[in-house]
């Protein structure tokens, strides 16, 4: 049985094409972990879980995906073709990372916040 990799262990390459000036400007490929890209889609870009999961599954099952935004396009590609997996495995990687994020966000190191509303 194949050991499942975590989102943090799967490396991808991101290439951005900027469309702001009317002439597309392509950046050099930048390596990053899939975990970082999932978090960026959810937290910075504001994608829903379903949208981020769709991007992740496409990337993990085909090896590449293109995500279009108003000002730029991201091309994401697996750094290693051996990381291509089945849809079920891809969903497990995504779900496991969401569980990790949820557990990590609840560990506030004992910090308690008090909110008081005045009249």
PDB file of N, CA and C in Angstrom:
ATOM      1  N   UNK A   1       0.833  -1.186   0.000  1.00  0.00           N
ATOM      2  CA  UNK A   1       0.000   0.000   0.000  1.00  0.00           C
ATOM      3  C   UNK A   1       0.879   1.251   0.000  1.00  0.00           C
ATOM      4  N   UNK A   2       0.515   2.209  -0.834  1.00  0.00           N
ATOM      5  CA  UNK A   2       1.266   3.449  -0.982  1.00  0.00           C
ATOM      6  C   UNK A   2       0.995   4.370   0.209  1.00  0.00           C
ATOM      7  N   UNK A   3       2.060   4.896   0.817  1.00  0.00           N
ATOM      8  CA  UNK A   3       1.929   5.805   1.948  1.00  0.00           C
ATOM      9  C   UNK A   3       1.480   7.175   1.448  1.00  0.00           C
ATOM     10  N   UNK A   4       0.412   7.708   2.045  1.00  0.00           N
ATOM     11  CA  UNK A   4      -0.139   8.992   1.621  1.00  0.00           C
ATOM     12  C   UNK A   4       0.736  10.142   2.089  1.00  0.00           C
ATOM     13  N   UNK A   5       1.068  11.042   1.169  1.00  0.00           N
ATOM     14  CA  UNK A   5       1.821  12.239   1.513  1.00  0.00           C
ATOM     15  C   UNK A   5       0.883  13.293   2.085  1.00  0.00           C
ATOM     16  N   UNK A   6       1.444  14.182   2.869  1.00  0.00           N
ATOM     17  CA  UNK A   6       0.663  15.307   3.379  1.00  0.00           C
ATOM     18  C   UNK A   6       0.772  16.475   2.401  1.00  0.00           C
ATOM     19  N   UNK A   7      -0.127  17.435   2.533  1.00  0.00           N
ATOM     20  CA  UNK A   7      -0.091  18.620   1.677  1.00  0.00           C
ATOM     21  C   UNK A   7       1.220  19.387   1.872  1.00  0.00           C
ATOM     22  N   UNK A   8       1.765  19.343   3.077  1.00  0.00           N
ATOM     23  CA  UNK A   8       3.025  20.041   3.348  1.00  0.00           C
ATOM     24  C   UNK A   8       4.213  19.365   2.650  1.00  0.00           C
ATOM     25  N   UNK A   9       4.091  18.058   2.373  1.00  0.00           N
ATOM     26  CA  UNK A   9       5.195  17.318   1.760  1.00  0.00           C
ATOM     27  C   UNK A   9       5.132  17.319   0.229  1.00  0.00           C
ATOM     28  N   UNK A  10       4.025  17.772  -0.332  1.00  0.00           N
ATOM     29  CA  UNK A  10       3.879  17.794  -1.797  1.00  0.00           C
ATOM     30  C   UNK A  10       4.325  19.158  -2.305  1.00  0.00           C
ATOM     31  N   UNK A  11       5.346  19.158  -3.146  1.00  0.00           N
ATOM     32  CA  UNK A  11       5.878  20.408  -3.689  1.00  0.00           C
ATOM     33  C   UNK A  11       5.256  20.708  -5.049  1.00  0.00           C
ATOM     34  N   UNK A  12       4.972  21.998  -5.259  1.00  0.00           N
ATOM     35  CA  UNK A  12       4.426  22.440  -6.533  1.00  0.00           C
ATOM     36  C   UNK A  12       5.244  23.614  -7.045  1.00  0.00           C
ATOM     37  N   UNK A  13       5.052  23.922  -8.333  1.00  0.00           N
ATOM     38  CA  UNK A  13       5.658  25.109  -8.940  1.00  0.00           C
ATOM     39  C   UNK A  13       4.523  26.018  -9.402  1.00  0.00           C
ATOM     40  N   UNK A  14       4.658  27.284  -9.085  1.00  0.00           N
ATOM     41  CA  UNK A  14       3.650  28.267  -9.482  1.00  0.00           C
ATOM     42  C   UNK A  14       4.261  29.262 -10.449  1.00  0.00           C
ATOM     43  N   UNK A  15       3.563  29.483 -11.561  1.00  0.00           N
ATOM     44  CA  UNK A  15       3.948  30.509 -12.514  1.00  0.00           C
ATOM     45  C   UNK A  15       2.777  31.467 -12.637  1.00  0.00           C
ATOM     46  N   UNK A  16       3.042  32.745 -12.506  1.00  0.00           N
ATOM     47  CA  UNK A  16       1.981  33.750 -12.636  1.00  0.00           C
ATOM     48  C   UNK A  16       2.168  34.517 -13.936  1.00  0.00           C
ATOM     49  N   UNK A  17       1.053  34.793 -14.569  1.00  0.00           N
ATOM     50  CA  UNK A  17       1.051  35.661 -15.743  1.00  0.00           C
ATOM     51  C   UNK A  17       0.197  36.873 -15.391  1.00  0.00           C
ATOM     52  N   UNK A  18       0.825  38.040 -15.358  1.00  0.00           N
ATOM     53  CA  UNK A  18       0.144  39.282 -14.992  1.00  0.00           C
ATOM     54  C   UNK A  18      -0.509  39.881 -16.228  1.00  0.00           C
ATOM     55  N   UNK A  19      -1.737  40.381 -16.077  1.00  0.00           N
ATOM     56  CA  UNK A  19      -2.493  40.936 -17.199  1.00  0.00           C
ATOM     57  C   UNK A  19      -2.779  42.421 -17.017  1.00  0.00           C
ATOM     58  N   UNK A  20      -2.145  43.080 -16.081  1.00  0.00           N
ATOM     59  CA  UNK A  20      -2.470  44.464 -15.740  1.00  0.00           C
ATOM     60  C   UNK A  20      -2.126  45.470 -16.829  1.00  0.00           C
ATOM     61  N   UNK A  21      -1.031  45.270 -17.532  1.00  0.00           N
ATOM     62  CA  UNK A  21      -0.556  46.272 -18.486  1.00  0.00           C
ATOM     63  C   UNK A  21      -1.084  46.046 -19.893  1.00  0.00           C
ATOM     64  N   UNK A  22      -1.876  45.016 -20.093  1.00  0.00           N
ATOM     65  CA  UNK A  22      -2.349  44.700 -21.434  1.00  0.00           C
ATOM     66  C   UNK A  22      -1.421  43.735 -22.148  1.00  0.00           C
ATOM     67  N   UNK A  23      -0.158  43.740 -21.765  1.00  0.00           N
ATOM     68  CA  UNK A  23       0.817  42.801 -22.315  1.00  0.00           C
ATOM     69  C   UNK A  23       1.124  41.780 -21.223  1.00  0.00           C
ATOM     70  N   UNK A  24       0.808  40.494 -21.446  1.00  0.00           N
ATOM     71  CA  UNK A  24       1.045  39.492 -20.400  1.00  0.00           C
ATOM     72  C   UNK A  24       2.516  39.432 -19.981  1.00  0.00           C
ATOM     73  N   UNK A  25       2.742  39.451 -18.670  1.00  0.00           N
ATOM     74  CA  UNK A  25       4.089  39.338 -18.105  1.00  0.00           C
ATOM     75  C   UNK A  25       4.151  38.061 -17.296  1.00  0.00           C
ATOM     76  N   UNK A  26       4.995  37.137 -17.726  1.00  0.00           N
ATOM     77  CA  UNK A  26       5.106  35.834 -17.063  1.00  0.00           C
ATOM     78  C   UNK A  26       6.258  35.860 -16.061  1.00  0.00           C
ATOM     79  N   UNK A  27       5.980  35.370 -14.841  1.00  0.00           N
ATOM     80  CA  UNK A  27       7.019  35.300 -13.814  1.00  0.00           C
ATOM     81  C   UNK A  27       7.740  33.960 -13.913  1.00  0.00           C
ATOM     82  N   UNK A  28       8.892  33.892 -13.294  1.00  0.00           N
ATOM     83  CA  UNK A  28       9.633  32.632 -13.237  1.00  0.00           C
ATOM     84  C   UNK A  28       8.895  31.673 -12.300  1.00  0.00           C
ATOM     85  N   UNK A  29       8.966  30.361 -12.566  1.00  0.00           N
ATOM     86  CA  UNK A  29       8.308  29.400 -11.675  1.00  0.00           C
ATOM     87  C   UNK A  29       8.847  29.503 -10.249  1.00  0.00           C
ATOM     88  N   UNK A  30       7.934  29.497  -9.282  1.00  0.00           N
ATOM     89  CA  UNK A  30       8.284  29.597  -7.875  1.00  0.00           C
ATOM     90  C   UNK A  30       7.851  28.318  -7.168  1.00  0.00           C
ATOM     91  N   UNK A  31       8.777  27.663  -6.456  1.00  0.00           N
ATOM     92  CA  UNK A  31       8.380  26.444  -5.729  1.00  0.00           C
ATOM     93  C   UNK A  31       7.679  26.785  -4.417  1.00  0.00           C
ATOM     94  N   UNK A  32       6.717  25.969  -4.040  1.00  0.00           N
ATOM     95  CA  UNK A  32       6.066  26.102  -2.737  1.00  0.00           C
ATOM     96  C   UNK A  32       5.400  24.778  -2.391  1.00  0.00           C
ATOM     97  N   UNK A  33       4.985  24.650  -1.154  1.00  0.00           N
ATOM     98  CA  UNK A  33       4.287  23.443  -0.710  1.00  0.00           C
ATOM     99  C   UNK A  33       2.804  23.577  -1.046  1.00  0.00           C
ATOM    100  N   UNK A  34       2.177  22.462  -1.343  1.00  0.00           N
ATOM    101  CA  UNK A  34       0.743  22.460  -1.617  1.00  0.00           C
ATOM    102  C   UNK A  34      -0.026  23.030  -0.425  1.00  0.00           C
ATOM    103  N   UNK A  35       0.431  22.755   0.776  1.00  0.00           N
ATOM    104  CA  UNK A  35      -0.228  23.272   1.978  1.00  0.00           C
ATOM    105  C   UNK A  35      -0.304  24.801   1.947  1.00  0.00           C
ATOM    106  N   UNK A  36       0.775  25.447   1.546  1.00  0.00           N
ATOM    107  CA  UNK A  36       0.798  26.904   1.466  1.00  0.00           C
ATOM    108  C   UNK A  36      -0.210  27.418   0.432  1.00  0.00           C
ATOM    109  N   UNK A  37      -0.317  26.709  -0.695  1.00  0.00           N
ATOM    110  CA  UNK A  37      -1.235  27.129  -1.752  1.00  0.00           C
ATOM    111  C   UNK A  37      -2.689  26.951  -1.307  1.00  0.00           C
ATOM    112  N   UNK A  38      -2.995  25.868  -0.603  1.00  0.00           N
ATOM    113  CA  UNK A  38      -4.354  25.658  -0.092  1.00  0.00           C
ATOM    114  C   UNK A  38      -4.718  26.789   0.865  1.00  0.00           C
ATOM    115  N   UNK A  39      -3.801  27.110   1.772  1.00  0.00           N
ATOM    116  CA  UNK A  39      -4.050  28.173   2.739  1.00  0.00           C
ATOM    117  C   UNK A  39      -4.213  29.525   2.046  1.00  0.00           C
ATOM    118  N   UNK A  40      -3.422  29.780   1.014  1.00  0.00           N
ATOM    119  CA  UNK A  40      -3.547  31.032   0.263  1.00  0.00           C
ATOM    120  C   UNK A  40      -4.921  31.121  -0.396  1.00  0.00           C
ATOM    121  N   UNK A  41      -5.369  30.039  -1.013  1.00  0.00           N
ATOM    122  CA  UNK A  41      -6.674  30.049  -1.672  1.00  0.00           C
ATOM    123  C   UNK A  41      -7.806  30.281  -0.673  1.00  0.00           C
ATOM    124  N   UNK A  42      -7.702  29.671   0.490  1.00  0.00           N
ATOM    125  CA  UNK A  42      -8.762  29.793   1.491  1.00  0.00           C
ATOM    126  C   UNK A  42      -8.728  31.134   2.224  1.00  0.00           C
ATOM    127  N   UNK A  43      -7.536  31.559   2.642  1.00  0.00           N
ATOM    128  CA  UNK A  43      -7.431  32.724   3.513  1.00  0.00           C
ATOM    129  C   UNK A  43      -7.221  34.039   2.770  1.00  0.00           C
ATOM    130  N   UNK A  44      -6.310  34.067   1.812  1.00  0.00           N
ATOM    131  CA  UNK A  44      -6.007  35.317   1.113  1.00  0.00           C
ATOM    132  C   UNK A  44      -6.981  35.599  -0.017  1.00  0.00           C
ATOM    133  N   UNK A  45      -7.244  34.584  -0.826  1.00  0.00           N
ATOM    134  CA  UNK A  45      -8.082  34.772  -1.999  1.00  0.00           C
ATOM    135  C   UNK A  45      -9.561  34.718  -1.628  1.00  0.00           C
ATOM    136  N   UNK A  46      -9.883  33.991  -0.552  1.00  0.00           N
ATOM    137  CA  UNK A  46     -11.263  33.912  -0.105  1.00  0.00           C
ATOM    138  C   UNK A  46     -12.072  32.830  -0.787  1.00  0.00           C
ATOM    139  N   UNK A  47     -11.396  31.846  -1.355  1.00  0.00           N
ATOM    140  CA  UNK A  47     -12.104  30.724  -1.964  1.00  0.00           C
ATOM    141  C   UNK A  47     -12.871  29.956  -0.896  1.00  0.00           C
ATOM    142  N   UNK A  48     -13.985  29.355  -1.284  1.00  0.00           N
ATOM    143  CA  UNK A  48     -14.696  28.458  -0.386  1.00  0.00           C
ATOM    144  C   UNK A  48     -13.940  27.137  -0.338  1.00  0.00           C
ATOM    145  N   UNK A  49     -14.278  26.281   0.615  1.00  0.00           N
ATOM    146  CA  UNK A  49     -13.655  24.962   0.690  1.00  0.00           C
ATOM    147  C   UNK A  49     -13.858  24.195  -0.612  1.00  0.00           C
ATOM    148  N   UNK A  50     -15.054  24.295  -1.190  1.00  0.00           N
ATOM    149  CA  UNK A  50     -15.355  23.565  -2.425  1.00  0.00           C
ATOM    150  C   UNK A  50     -14.484  24.048  -3.580  1.00  0.00           C
ATOM    151  N   UNK A  51     -14.275  25.359  -3.692  1.00  0.00           N
ATOM    152  CA  UNK A  51     -13.436  25.887  -4.766  1.00  0.00           C
ATOM    153  C   UNK A  51     -11.979  25.473  -4.581  1.00  0.00           C
ATOM    154  N   UNK A  52     -11.469  25.618  -3.370  1.00  0.00           N
ATOM    155  CA  UNK A  52     -10.080  25.232  -3.090  1.00  0.00           C
ATOM    156  C   UNK A  52      -9.896  23.730  -3.284  1.00  0.00           C
ATOM    157  N   UNK A  53     -10.892  22.941  -2.885  1.00  0.00           N
ATOM    158  CA  UNK A  53     -10.804  21.495  -3.072  1.00  0.00           C
ATOM    159  C   UNK A  53     -10.791  21.158  -4.565  1.00  0.00           C
ATOM    160  N   UNK A  54     -11.583  21.859  -5.364  1.00  0.00           N
ATOM    161  CA  UNK A  54     -11.591  21.618  -6.806  1.00  0.00           C
ATOM    162  C   UNK A  54     -10.235  21.867  -7.438  1.00  0.00           C
ATOM    163  N   UNK A  55      -9.590  22.959  -7.054  1.00  0.00           N
ATOM    164  CA  UNK A  55      -8.250  23.272  -7.568  1.00  0.00           C
ATOM    165  C   UNK A  55      -7.261  22.184  -7.130  1.00  0.00           C
ATOM    166  N   UNK A  56      -7.332  21.805  -5.858  1.00  0.00           N
ATOM    167  CA  UNK A  56      -6.414  20.802  -5.309  1.00  0.00           C
ATOM    168  C   UNK A  56      -6.591  19.449  -5.984  1.00  0.00           C
ATOM    169  N   UNK A  57      -7.823  19.023  -6.162  1.00  0.00           N
ATOM    170  CA  UNK A  57      -8.071  17.719  -6.793  1.00  0.00           C
ATOM    171  C   UNK A  57      -7.586  17.715  -8.236  1.00  0.00           C
ATOM    172  N   UNK A  58      -7.878  18.775  -8.969  1.00  0.00           N
ATOM    173  CA  UNK A  58      -7.409  18.858 -10.364  1.00  0.00           C
ATOM    174  C   UNK A  58      -5.883  18.782 -10.420  1.00  0.00           C
ATOM    175  N   UNK A  59      -5.219  19.518  -9.534  1.00  0.00           N
ATOM    176  CA  UNK A  59      -3.760  19.524  -9.495  1.00  0.00           C
ATOM    177  C   UNK A  59      -3.201  18.143  -9.175  1.00  0.00           C
ATOM    178  N   UNK A  60      -3.772  17.489  -8.160  1.00  0.00           N
ATOM    179  CA  UNK A  60      -3.235  16.205  -7.716  1.00  0.00           C
ATOM    180  C   UNK A  60      -3.586  15.044  -8.643  1.00  0.00           C
ATOM    181  N   UNK A  61      -4.663  15.162  -9.419  1.00  0.00           N
ATOM    182  CA  UNK A  61      -5.038  14.053 -10.303  1.00  0.00           C
ATOM    183  C   UNK A  61      -4.491  14.206 -11.716  1.00  0.00           C
ATOM    184  N   UNK A  62      -4.261  15.446 -12.161  1.00  0.00           N
ATOM    185  CA  UNK A  62      -3.743  15.637 -13.517  1.00  0.00           C
ATOM    186  C   UNK A  62      -2.308  16.156 -13.550  1.00  0.00           C
ATOM    187  N   UNK A  63      -1.838  16.693 -12.421  1.00  0.00           N
ATOM    188  CA  UNK A  63      -0.468  17.197 -12.353  1.00  0.00           C
ATOM    189  C   UNK A  63      -0.339  18.681 -12.601  1.00  0.00           C
ATOM    190  N   UNK A  64      -1.420  19.313 -13.088  1.00  0.00           N
ATOM    191  CA  UNK A  64      -1.360  20.758 -13.331  1.00  0.00           C
ATOM    192  C   UNK A  64      -2.772  21.324 -13.351  1.00  0.00           C
ATOM    193  N   UNK A  65      -2.838  22.632 -13.100  1.00  0.00           N
ATOM    194  CA  UNK A  65      -4.112  23.347 -13.125  1.00  0.00           C
ATOM    195  C   UNK A  65      -3.835  24.823 -13.368  1.00  0.00           C
ATOM    196  N   UNK A  66      -4.788  25.496 -14.003  1.00  0.00           N
ATOM    197  CA  UNK A  66      -4.682  26.941 -14.217  1.00  0.00           C
ATOM    198  C   UNK A  66      -5.830  27.605 -13.481  1.00  0.00           C
ATOM    199  N   UNK A  67      -5.511  28.654 -12.726  1.00  0.00           N
ATOM    200  CA  UNK A  67      -6.515  29.389 -11.973  1.00  0.00           C
ATOM    201  C   UNK A  67      -6.482  30.835 -12.457  1.00  0.00           C
ATOM    202  N   UNK A  68      -7.608  31.311 -12.982  1.00  0.00           N
ATOM    203  CA  UNK A  68      -7.684  32.669 -13.525  1.00  0.00           C
ATOM    204  C   UNK A  68      -8.282  33.637 -12.517  1.00  0.00           C
ATOM    205  N   UNK A  69      -7.637  34.785 -12.392  1.00  0.00           N
ATOM    206  CA  UNK A  69      -8.126  35.887 -11.585  1.00  0.00           C
ATOM    207  C   UNK A  69      -8.258  37.100 -12.502  1.00  0.00           C
ATOM    208  N   UNK A  70      -8.791  38.172 -11.990  1.00  0.00           N
ATOM    209  CA  UNK A  70      -8.989  39.362 -12.823  1.00  0.00           C
ATOM    210  C   UNK A  70      -7.666  39.915 -13.361  1.00  0.00           C
ATOM    211  N   UNK A  71      -6.663  40.035 -12.506  1.00  0.00           N
ATOM    212  CA  UNK A  71      -5.406  40.685 -12.889  1.00  0.00           C
ATOM    213  C   UNK A  71      -4.283  39.723 -13.259  1.00  0.00           C
ATOM    214  N   UNK A  72      -4.445  38.450 -12.945  1.00  0.00           N
ATOM    215  CA  UNK A  72      -3.375  37.500 -13.232  1.00  0.00           C
ATOM    216  C   UNK A  72      -3.926  36.073 -13.332  1.00  0.00           C
ATOM    217  N   UNK A  73      -3.077  35.208 -13.839  1.00  0.00           N
ATOM    218  CA  UNK A  73      -3.378  33.781 -13.955  1.00  0.00           C
ATOM    219  C   UNK A  73      -2.286  33.020 -13.223  1.00  0.00           C
ATOM    220  N   UNK A  74      -2.674  32.013 -12.453  1.00  0.00           N
ATOM    221  CA  UNK A  74      -1.710  31.135 -11.795  1.00  0.00           C
ATOM    222  C   UNK A  74      -1.704  29.799 -12.536  1.00  0.00           C
ATOM    223  N   UNK A  75      -0.521  29.317 -12.855  1.00  0.00           N
ATOM    224  CA  UNK A  75      -0.384  27.965 -13.382  1.00  0.00           C
ATOM    225  C   UNK A  75       0.338  27.173 -12.303  1.00  0.00           C
ATOM    226  N   UNK A  76      -0.328  26.152 -11.776  1.00  0.00           N
ATOM    227  CA  UNK A  76       0.243  25.318 -10.727  1.00  0.00           C
ATOM    228  C   UNK A  76       0.555  23.957 -11.313  1.00  0.00           C
ATOM    229  N   UNK A  77       1.732  23.441 -10.970  1.00  0.00           N
ATOM    230  CA  UNK A  77       2.172  22.148 -11.497  1.00  0.00           C
ATOM    231  C   UNK A  77       2.895  21.380 -10.397  1.00  0.00           C
ATOM    232  N   UNK A  78       2.620  20.096 -10.324  1.00  0.00           N
ATOM    233  CA  UNK A  78       3.338  19.265  -9.357  1.00  0.00           C
ATOM    234  C   UNK A  78       4.816  19.249  -9.701  1.00  0.00           C
ATOM    235  N   UNK A  79       5.667  19.388  -8.720  1.00  0.00           N
ATOM    236  CA  UNK A  79       7.112  19.351  -8.950  1.00  0.00           C
ATOM    237  C   UNK A  79       7.547  17.937  -9.337  1.00  0.00           C
ATOM    238  N   UNK A  80       6.864  16.935  -8.805  1.00  0.00           N
ATOM    239  CA  UNK A  80       7.197  15.548  -9.102  1.00  0.00           C
ATOM    240  C   UNK A  80       5.970  14.827  -9.660  1.00  0.00           C
ATOM    241  N   UNK A  81       6.065  14.315 -10.880  1.00  0.00           N
ATOM    242  CA  UNK A  81       4.942  13.573 -11.461  1.00  0.00           C
ATOM    243  C   UNK A  81       4.533  12.347 -10.630  1.00  0.00           C
ATOM    244  N   UNK A  82       5.420  11.875  -9.772  1.00  0.00           N
ATOM    245  CA  UNK A  82       5.085  10.721  -8.926  1.00  0.00           C
ATOM    246  C   UNK A  82       4.046  11.076  -7.856  1.00  0.00           C
ATOM    247  N   UNK A  83       3.772  12.381  -7.669  1.00  0.00           N
ATOM    248  CA  UNK A  83       2.765  12.813  -6.704  1.00  0.00           C
ATOM    249  C   UNK A  83       1.347  12.767  -7.269  1.00  0.00           C
ATOM    250  N   UNK A  84       1.199  12.458  -8.555  1.00  0.00           N
ATOM    251  CA  UNK A  84      -0.142  12.309  -9.127  1.00  0.00           C
ATOM    252  C   UNK A  84      -0.826  11.140  -8.435  1.00  0.00           C
ATOM    253  N   UNK A  85      -2.113  11.319  -8.115  1.00  0.00           N
ATOM    254  CA  UNK A  85      -2.841  10.306  -7.347  1.00  0.00           C
ATOM    255  C   UNK A  85      -4.284  10.204  -7.819  1.00  0.00           C
ATOM    256  N   UNK A  86      -5.006   9.290  -7.228  1.00  0.00           N
ATOM    257  CA  UNK A  86      -6.418   9.127  -7.555  1.00  0.00           C
ATOM    258  C   UNK A  86      -7.233  10.249  -6.929  1.00  0.00           C
ATOM    259  N   UNK A  87      -8.450  10.382  -7.380  1.00  0.00           N
ATOM    260  CA  UNK A  87      -9.344  11.410  -6.831  1.00  0.00           C
ATOM    261  C   UNK A  87      -9.581  11.186  -5.336  1.00  0.00           C
ATOM    262  N   UNK A  88      -9.776   9.937  -4.949  1.00  0.00           N
ATOM    263  CA  UNK A  88     -10.011   9.613  -3.536  1.00  0.00           C
ATOM    264  C   UNK A  88      -8.817  10.005  -2.684  1.00  0.00           C
ATOM    265  N   UNK A  89      -7.613   9.702  -3.159  1.00  0.00           N
ATOM    266  CA  UNK A  89      -6.404  10.076  -2.419  1.00  0.00           C
ATOM    267  C   UNK A  89      -6.269  11.596  -2.337  1.00  0.00           C
ATOM    268  N   UNK A  90      -6.605  12.297  -3.435  1.00  0.00           N
ATOM    269  CA  UNK A  90      -6.506  13.757  -3.461  1.00  0.00           C
ATOM    270  C   UNK A  90      -7.475  14.386  -2.460  1.00  0.00           C
ATOM    271  N   UNK A  91      -8.684  13.847  -2.387  1.00  0.00           N
ATOM    272  CA  UNK A  91      -9.664  14.352  -1.416  1.00  0.00           C
ATOM    273  C   UNK A  91      -9.154  14.127   0.000  1.00  0.00           C
ATOM    274  N   UNK A  92      -8.529  12.971   0.248  1.00  0.00           N
ATOM    275  CA  UNK A  92      -7.979  12.680   1.574  1.00  0.00           C
ATOM    276  C   UNK A  92      -6.875  13.669   1.945  1.00  0.00           C
ATOM    277  N   UNK A  93      -6.007  14.008   0.994  1.00  0.00           N
ATOM    278  CA  UNK A  93      -4.934  14.981   1.250  1.00  0.00           C
ATOM    279  C   UNK A  93      -5.540  16.329   1.613  1.00  0.00           C
ATOM    280  N   UNK A  94      -6.541  16.767   0.845  1.00  0.00           N
ATOM    281  CA  UNK A  94      -7.184  18.059   1.110  1.00  0.00           C
ATOM    282  C   UNK A  94      -7.884  18.055   2.468  1.00  0.00           C
ATOM    283  N   UNK A  95      -8.686  17.018   2.718  1.00  0.00           N
ATOM    284  CA  UNK A  95      -9.413  16.932   3.990  1.00  0.00           C
ATOM    285  C   UNK A  95      -8.471  16.873   5.191  1.00  0.00           C
ATOM    286  N   UNK A  96      -7.396  16.107   5.060  1.00  0.00           N
ATOM    287  CA  UNK A  96      -6.419  16.011   6.154  1.00  0.00           C
ATOM    288  C   UNK A  96      -5.800  17.371   6.445  1.00  0.00           C
ATOM    289  N   UNK A  97      -5.536  18.141   5.399  1.00  0.00           N
ATOM    290  CA  UNK A  97      -4.938  19.460   5.620  1.00  0.00           C
ATOM    291  C   UNK A  97      -5.950  20.408   6.277  1.00  0.00           C
ATOM    292  N   UNK A  98      -7.214  20.330   5.885  1.00  0.00           N
ATOM    293  CA  UNK A  98      -8.227  21.174   6.534  1.00  0.00           C
ATOM    294  C   UNK A  98      -8.362  20.826   8.008  1.00  0.00           C
ATOM    295  N   UNK A  99      -8.302  19.542   8.335  1.00  0.00           N
ATOM    296  CA  UNK A  99      -8.372  19.123   9.741  1.00  0.00           C
ATOM    297  C   UNK A  99      -7.169  19.650  10.502  1.00  0.00           C
ATOM    298  N   UNK A 100      -6.004  19.612   9.872  1.00  0.00           N
ATOM    299  CA  UNK A 100      -4.785  20.158  10.488  1.00  0.00           C
ATOM    300  C   UNK A 100      -4.947  21.650  10.749  1.00  0.00           C
ATOM    301  N   UNK A 101      -5.493  22.388   9.761  1.00  0.00           N
ATOM    302  CA  UNK A 101      -5.692  23.833   9.925  1.00  0.00           C
ATOM    303  C   UNK A 101      -6.671  24.115  11.048  1.00  0.00           C
ATOM    304  N   UNK A 102      -7.733  23.360  11.108  1.00  0.00           N
ATOM    305  CA  UNK A 102      -8.742  23.564  12.144  1.00  0.00           C
ATOM    306  C   UNK A 102      -8.146  23.298  13.529  1.00  0.00           C
ATOM    307  N   UNK A 103      -7.391  22.217  13.665  1.00  0.00           N
ATOM    308  CA  UNK A 103      -6.755  21.886  14.946  1.00  0.00           C
ATOM    309  C   UNK A 103      -5.720  22.938  15.309  1.00  0.00           C
ATOM    310  N   UNK A 104      -4.960  23.411  14.323  1.00  0.00           N
ATOM    311  CA  UNK A 104      -3.915  24.401  14.559  1.00  0.00           C
ATOM    312  C   UNK A 104      -4.509  25.744  14.973  1.00  0.00           C
ATOM    313  N   UNK A 105      -5.646  26.125  14.390  1.00  0.00           N
ATOM    314  CA  UNK A 105      -6.270  27.409  14.720  1.00  0.00           C
ATOM    315  C   UNK A 105      -6.882  27.415  16.107  1.00  0.00           C
ATOM    316  N   UNK A 106      -7.213  26.258  16.654  1.00  0.00           N
ATOM    317  CA  UNK A 106      -7.822  26.197  17.974  1.00  0.00           C
ATOM    318  C   UNK A 106      -6.790  26.104  19.097  1.00  0.00           C
ATOM    319  N   UNK A 107      -5.539  25.936  18.750  1.00  0.00           N
ATOM    320  CA  UNK A 107      -4.503  25.886  19.784  1.00  0.00           C
ATOM    321  C   UNK A 107      -3.962  27.293  19.990  1.00  0.00           C
ATOM    322  N   UNK A 108      -4.629  28.054  20.822  1.00  0.00           N
ATOM    323  CA  UNK A 108      -4.273  29.463  21.024  1.00  0.00           C
ATOM    324  C   UNK A 108      -3.318  29.650  22.201  1.00  0.00           C
ATOM    325  N   UNK A 109      -2.590  28.599  22.558  1.00  0.00           N
ATOM    326  CA  UNK A 109      -1.601  28.680  23.625  1.00  0.00           C
ATOM    327  C   UNK A 109      -2.193  29.222  24.926  1.00  0.00           C
ATOM    328  N   UNK A 110      -3.409  28.829  25.249  1.00  0.00           N
ATOM    329  CA  UNK A 110      -4.016  29.247  26.496  1.00  0.00           C
ATOM    330  C   UNK A 110      -4.537  30.668  26.498  1.00  0.00           C
ATOM    331  N   UNK A 111      -4.502  31.350  25.372  1.00  0.00           N
ATOM    332  CA  UNK A 111      -4.955  32.730  25.285  1.00  0.00           C
ATOM    333  C   UNK A 111      -6.474  32.774  25.313  1.00  0.00           C
ATOM    334  N   UNK A 112      -7.031  33.589  26.176  1.00  0.00           N
ATOM    335  CA  UNK A 112      -8.476  33.791  26.260  1.00  0.00           C
ATOM    336  C   UNK A 112      -8.766  35.247  25.980  1.00  0.00           C
ATOM    337  N   UNK A 113      -9.737  35.468  25.127  1.00  0.00           N
ATOM    338  CA  UNK A 113     -10.088  36.835  24.768  1.00  0.00           C
ATOM    339  C   UNK A 113     -11.411  37.182  25.435  1.00  0.00           C
ATOM    340  N   UNK A 114     -11.494  38.374  25.962  1.00  0.00           N
ATOM    341  CA  UNK A 114     -12.724  38.855  26.566  1.00  0.00           C
ATOM    342  C   UNK A 114     -13.198  40.037  25.741  1.00  0.00           C
ATOM    343  N   UNK A 115     -14.438  39.980  25.320  1.00  0.00           N
ATOM    344  CA  UNK A 115     -15.018  41.057  24.534  1.00  0.00           C
ATOM    345  C   UNK A 115     -16.168  41.649  25.335  1.00  0.00           C
ATOM    346  N   UNK A 116     -16.151  42.963  25.528  1.00  0.00           N
ATOM    347  CA  UNK A 116     -17.191  43.650  26.287  1.00  0.00           C
ATOM    348  C   UNK A 116     -17.824  44.694  25.382  1.00  0.00           C
ATOM    349  N   UNK A 117     -19.140  44.657  25.284  1.00  0.00           N
ATOM    350  CA  UNK A 117     -19.866  45.638  24.493  1.00  0.00           C
ATOM    351  C   UNK A 117     -20.440  46.691  25.436  1.00  0.00           C
ATOM    352  N   UNK A 118     -20.155  47.941  25.191  1.00  0.00           N
ATOM    353  CA  UNK A 118     -20.660  49.025  26.033  1.00  0.00           C
ATOM    354  C   UNK A 118     -21.970  49.573  25.476  1.00  0.00           C
ATOM    355  N   UNK A 119     -22.703  50.236  26.326  1.00  0.00           N
ATOM    356  CA  UNK A 119     -23.976  50.809  25.889  1.00  0.00           C
ATOM    357  C   UNK A 119     -23.852  52.268  25.608  1.00  0.00           C
TER     358      UNK A 119
END
